[in-house]
Each structure stands twice: as C-alpha cells, then as structure tokens.
Amino acid sequence: MSERERIGEILVQKGYISVEEMEEGLVNQEKTGIRLGECLVRSGRISRDQLVDALAKQFSMIVIEPTAEMIDDETWQMLPSAWMAEHGIVPLYHDGETLEVVTSDPQNVDLVETIRDITGLDTHFNLADAE
C-alpha cells in the first residue's frame, strides 16, 4: 500500500495555502502539538470546509452531512451516545455485516476496532464536518 499524501501537500495542491503558509503551520503544529489542519483553521489560513475537503481527498472518503432522516433508530442505539459524541461519530445504518458511519476524525484509527468490538460489524467511514 502506498503512503498517504500529507494534508499540507493536499492543501497546497488545491491552492488553499501557499508553501510558506504550510511551513508556518508546521512550525505552529510543532509548538502546540495540534494537527496541522486544525492549526491552519484556528489561524484563519483555511476554512473548516477547506480542511474537510482536503481530508476527504487524503482518506479517499466522501463528505456527508448527516440528517435525522439518514439515521436508522436501531443503528443509533448500537453505540453509547456519550461515546459517539466524544469521538465525533454518527452511525447511519447497517446491513447486518457493515455499519455505515460518519466521522469528523478520519485519523482516529482505533475507532474501527472499537466499533467492531462493540457492534460485531465491520465499519465503513464517511467524513463530516466536526461542527
């Protein structure tokens, strides 16, 4: 499997930031320990929508803005509400084998295993804005 493209490189390719702004963001990231994309949003260099767009490209995900109509009641009850809020996920539906989930944090690889342990289902992730 090839290495995933870095978020800073994607933001530059898309024209959202310059190389210099990426380098400034990396310095800020080093100082604060906050992920580069979030540093750039907080500094006003990019919008949250631009970050979500770049993350979707980085993780080969589609962006979904979940609505109440999209969420199956039975599926919603499969995971603890407080845990879902803490981890920024929304379970949409399942087919008995795979649980379709929307997340605001595609970099949290532990979620897949935790959801599988709780539900017994494989997980397919989509991306949504954290807000």
C-alpha atoms as a PDB file:
ATOM      1  CA  MET A   1       0.000   0.000   0.000  1.00  0.00           C
ATOM      2  CA  SER A   2       1.339   3.422  -0.875  1.00  0.00           C
ATOM      3  CA  GLU A   3       1.927   6.118   1.707  1.00  0.00           C
ATOM      4  CA  ARG A   4      -0.954   8.524   2.259  1.00  0.00           C
ATOM      5  CA  GLU A   5      -0.445  12.027   0.891  1.00  0.00           C
ATOM      6  CA  ARG A   6       0.176  14.611   3.626  1.00  0.00           C
ATOM      7  CA  ILE A   7      -2.569  17.099   4.434  1.00  0.00           C
ATOM      8  CA  GLY A   8      -0.284  20.112   3.947  1.00  0.00           C
ATOM      9  CA  GLU A   9       0.658  18.972   0.461  1.00  0.00           C
ATOM     10  CA  ILE A  10      -3.001  18.490  -0.437  1.00  0.00           C
ATOM     11  CA  LEU A  11      -3.885  21.979   0.835  1.00  0.00           C
ATOM     12  CA  VAL A  12      -1.094  23.473  -1.295  1.00  0.00           C
ATOM     13  CA  GLN A  13      -2.125  21.444  -4.376  1.00  0.00           C
ATOM     14  CA  LYS A  14      -5.702  22.658  -4.025  1.00  0.00           C
ATOM     15  CA  GLY A  15      -4.475  26.252  -3.785  1.00  0.00           C
ATOM     16  CA  TYR A  16      -5.897  26.768  -0.290  1.00  0.00           C
ATOM     17  CA  ILE A  17      -2.488  27.758   1.141  1.00  0.00           C
ATOM     18  CA  SER A  18       0.984  28.576  -0.123  1.00  0.00           C
ATOM     19  CA  VAL A  19       4.081  26.522   0.658  1.00  0.00           C
ATOM     20  CA  GLU A  20       5.139  29.300   3.039  1.00  0.00           C
ATOM     21  CA  GLU A  21       1.809  29.125   4.891  1.00  0.00           C
ATOM     22  CA  MET A  22       2.177  25.349   5.147  1.00  0.00           C
ATOM     23  CA  GLU A  23       5.664  25.768   6.610  1.00  0.00           C
ATOM     24  CA  GLU A  24       4.364  28.341   9.131  1.00  0.00           C
ATOM     25  CA  GLY A  25       1.594  25.910  10.045  1.00  0.00           C
ATOM     26  CA  LEU A  26       4.111  23.123  10.572  1.00  0.00           C
ATOM     27  CA  VAL A  27       6.099  25.328  12.954  1.00  0.00           C
ATOM     28  CA  ASN A  28       2.886  26.126  14.829  1.00  0.00           C
ATOM     29  CA  GLN A  29       1.981  22.430  14.883  1.00  0.00           C
ATOM     30  CA  GLU A  30       5.356  21.607  16.402  1.00  0.00           C
ATOM     31  CA  LYS A  31       4.885  24.262  19.112  1.00  0.00           C
ATOM     32  CA  THR A  32       1.301  23.381  20.009  1.00  0.00           C
ATOM     33  CA  GLY A  33       1.002  19.662  19.305  1.00  0.00           C
ATOM     34  CA  ILE A  34      -2.220  20.349  17.397  1.00  0.00           C
ATOM     35  CA  ARG A  35      -2.739  18.722  13.985  1.00  0.00           C
ATOM     36  CA  LEU A  36      -1.671  20.854  11.035  1.00  0.00           C
ATOM     37  CA  GLY A  37      -5.154  21.219   9.550  1.00  0.00           C
ATOM     38  CA  GLU A  38      -6.601  22.407  12.843  1.00  0.00           C
ATOM     39  CA  CYS A  39      -3.679  24.858  13.298  1.00  0.00           C
ATOM     40  CA  LEU A  40      -4.430  26.339   9.885  1.00  0.00           C
ATOM     41  CA  VAL A  41      -8.160  26.650  10.648  1.00  0.00           C
ATOM     42  CA  ARG A  42      -7.513  28.297  14.013  1.00  0.00           C
ATOM     43  CA  SER A  43      -5.077  30.777  12.447  1.00  0.00           C
ATOM     44  CA  GLY A  44      -7.603  31.668   9.736  1.00  0.00           C
ATOM     45  CA  ARG A  45      -5.399  30.397   6.878  1.00  0.00           C
ATOM     46  CA  ILE A  46      -8.079  27.946   5.718  1.00  0.00           C
ATOM     47  CA  SER A  47     -11.769  27.418   6.392  1.00  0.00           C
ATOM     48  CA  ARG A  48     -13.176  24.341   8.082  1.00  0.00           C
ATOM     49  CA  ASP A  49     -14.821  23.414   4.743  1.00  0.00           C
ATOM     50  CA  GLN A  50     -11.419  23.532   3.022  1.00  0.00           C
ATOM     51  CA  LEU A  51      -9.961  21.262   5.713  1.00  0.00           C
ATOM     52  CA  VAL A  52     -12.815  18.776   5.337  1.00  0.00           C
ATOM     53  CA  ASP A  53     -12.364  18.824   1.549  1.00  0.00           C
ATOM     54  CA  ALA A  54      -8.636  18.090   1.913  1.00  0.00           C
ATOM     55  CA  LEU A  55      -9.232  15.336   4.494  1.00  0.00           C
ATOM     56  CA  ALA A  56     -11.749  13.712   2.148  1.00  0.00           C
ATOM     57  CA  LYS A  57      -9.062  13.589  -0.545  1.00  0.00           C
ATOM     58  CA  GLN A  58      -6.400  12.359   1.880  1.00  0.00           C
ATOM     59  CA  PHE A  59      -8.546   9.495   3.183  1.00  0.00           C
ATOM     60  CA  SER A  60     -10.484   8.789  -0.046  1.00  0.00           C
ATOM     61  CA  MET A  61     -13.785   9.459   1.706  1.00  0.00           C
ATOM     62  CA  ILE A  62     -16.942  11.171   0.626  1.00  0.00           C
ATOM     63  CA  VAL A  63     -18.313  14.044   2.687  1.00  0.00           C
ATOM     64  CA  ILE A  64     -21.767  13.528   4.168  1.00  0.00           C
ATOM     65  CA  GLU A  65     -23.724  15.986   6.276  1.00  0.00           C
ATOM     66  CA  PRO A  66     -25.960  13.618   8.233  1.00  0.00           C
ATOM     67  CA  THR A  67     -29.604  14.483   8.757  1.00  0.00           C
ATOM     68  CA  ALA A  68     -32.099  12.869  11.125  1.00  0.00           C
ATOM     69  CA  GLU A  69     -33.759  11.141   8.173  1.00  0.00           C
ATOM     70  CA  MET A  70     -30.489   9.359   7.313  1.00  0.00           C
ATOM     71  CA  ILE A  71     -30.110   7.765  10.762  1.00  0.00           C
ATOM     72  CA  ASP A  72     -31.698   4.403  11.470  1.00  0.00           C
ATOM     73  CA  ASP A  73     -33.068   4.298  15.066  1.00  0.00           C
ATOM     74  CA  GLU A  74     -31.909   0.720  15.689  1.00  0.00           C
ATOM     75  CA  THR A  75     -28.426   1.548  14.428  1.00  0.00           C
ATOM     76  CA  TRP A  76     -28.250   4.706  16.566  1.00  0.00           C
ATOM     77  CA  GLN A  77     -28.800   2.579  19.681  1.00  0.00           C
ATOM     78  CA  MET A  78     -25.886   0.230  18.890  1.00  0.00           C
ATOM     79  CA  LEU A  79     -23.303   2.642  20.311  1.00  0.00           C
ATOM     80  CA  PRO A  80     -23.342   4.668  23.553  1.00  0.00           C
ATOM     81  CA  SER A  81     -24.439   8.278  22.894  1.00  0.00           C
ATOM     82  CA  ALA A  82     -21.768   9.860  25.091  1.00  0.00           C
ATOM     83  CA  TRP A  83     -19.068   7.782  23.377  1.00  0.00           C
ATOM     84  CA  MET A  84     -20.316   8.810  19.918  1.00  0.00           C
ATOM     85  CA  ALA A  85     -20.250  12.487  20.909  1.00  0.00           C
ATOM     86  CA  GLU A  86     -16.779  12.162  22.422  1.00  0.00           C
ATOM     87  CA  HIS A  87     -15.386  10.563  19.256  1.00  0.00           C
ATOM     88  CA  GLY A  88     -17.312  12.635  16.713  1.00  0.00           C
ATOM     89  CA  ILE A  89     -19.145   9.783  15.009  1.00  0.00           C
ATOM     90  CA  VAL A  90     -22.696   9.185  13.831  1.00  0.00           C
ATOM     91  CA  PRO A  91     -23.808   5.665  12.890  1.00  0.00           C
ATOM     92  CA  LEU A  92     -26.229   5.825   9.979  1.00  0.00           C
ATOM     93  CA  TYR A  93     -27.365   2.281   9.169  1.00  0.00           C
ATOM     94  CA  HIS A  94     -26.107  -1.282   8.820  1.00  0.00           C
ATOM     95  CA  ASP A  95     -26.804  -4.232   6.547  1.00  0.00           C
ATOM     96  CA  GLY A  96     -26.011  -6.942   9.090  1.00  0.00           C
ATOM     97  CA  GLU A  97     -22.333  -7.044   8.109  1.00  0.00           C
ATOM     98  CA  THR A  98     -21.181  -3.443   7.721  1.00  0.00           C
ATOM     99  CA  LEU A  99     -22.005  -0.370   9.774  1.00  0.00           C
ATOM    100  CA  GLU A 100     -22.059   2.894   7.803  1.00  0.00           C
ATOM    101  CA  VAL A 101     -20.594   5.663   9.980  1.00  0.00           C
ATOM    102  CA  VAL A 102     -19.918   9.369   9.581  1.00  0.00           C
ATOM    103  CA  THR A 103     -16.856  10.712  11.406  1.00  0.00           C
ATOM    104  CA  SER A 104     -15.241  14.074  11.881  1.00  0.00           C
ATOM    105  CA  ASP A 105     -11.882  12.463  12.688  1.00  0.00           C
ATOM    106  CA  PRO A 106     -10.675  10.088   9.979  1.00  0.00           C
ATOM    107  CA  GLN A 107      -7.247   9.947  11.625  1.00  0.00           C
ATOM    108  CA  ASN A 108      -8.565   8.035  14.658  1.00  0.00           C
ATOM    109  CA  VAL A 109      -7.736   4.500  13.516  1.00  0.00           C
ATOM    110  CA  ASP A 110      -8.723   2.986  16.877  1.00  0.00           C
ATOM    111  CA  LEU A 111     -12.388   3.702  16.128  1.00  0.00           C
ATOM    112  CA  VAL A 112     -12.646   0.854  13.612  1.00  0.00           C
ATOM    113  CA  GLU A 113     -11.550  -1.759  16.116  1.00  0.00           C
ATOM    114  CA  THR A 114     -13.606  -0.301  18.974  1.00  0.00           C
ATOM    115  CA  ILE A 115     -16.777  -0.158  16.868  1.00  0.00           C
ATOM    116  CA  ARG A 116     -16.195  -3.738  15.706  1.00  0.00           C
ATOM    117  CA  ASP A 117     -15.754  -4.842  19.336  1.00  0.00           C
ATOM    118  CA  ILE A 118     -18.988  -3.098  20.398  1.00  0.00           C
ATOM    119  CA  THR A 119     -21.205  -3.999  17.427  1.00  0.00           C
ATOM    120  CA  GLY A 120     -19.615  -7.080  15.880  1.00  0.00           C
ATOM    121  CA  LEU A 121     -19.808  -5.333  12.495  1.00  0.00           C
ATOM    122  CA  ASP A 122     -17.217  -4.130  10.017  1.00  0.00           C
ATOM    123  CA  THR A 123     -17.234  -0.365   9.571  1.00  0.00           C
ATOM    124  CA  HIS A 124     -17.272   1.908   6.535  1.00  0.00           C
ATOM    125  CA  PHE A 125     -16.447   5.536   7.291  1.00  0.00           C
ATOM    126  CA  ASN A 126     -17.592   8.726   5.606  1.00  0.00           C
ATOM    127  CA  LEU A 127     -16.435  12.213   6.512  1.00  0.00           C
ATOM    128  CA  ALA A 128     -18.411  15.060   8.073  1.00  0.00           C
ATOM    129  CA  ASP A 129     -17.526  18.442   9.484  1.00  0.00           C
ATOM    130  CA  ALA A 130     -16.951  18.379  13.241  1.00  0.00           C
ATOM    131  CA  GLU A 131     -19.401  21.206  13.682  1.00  0.00           C
END
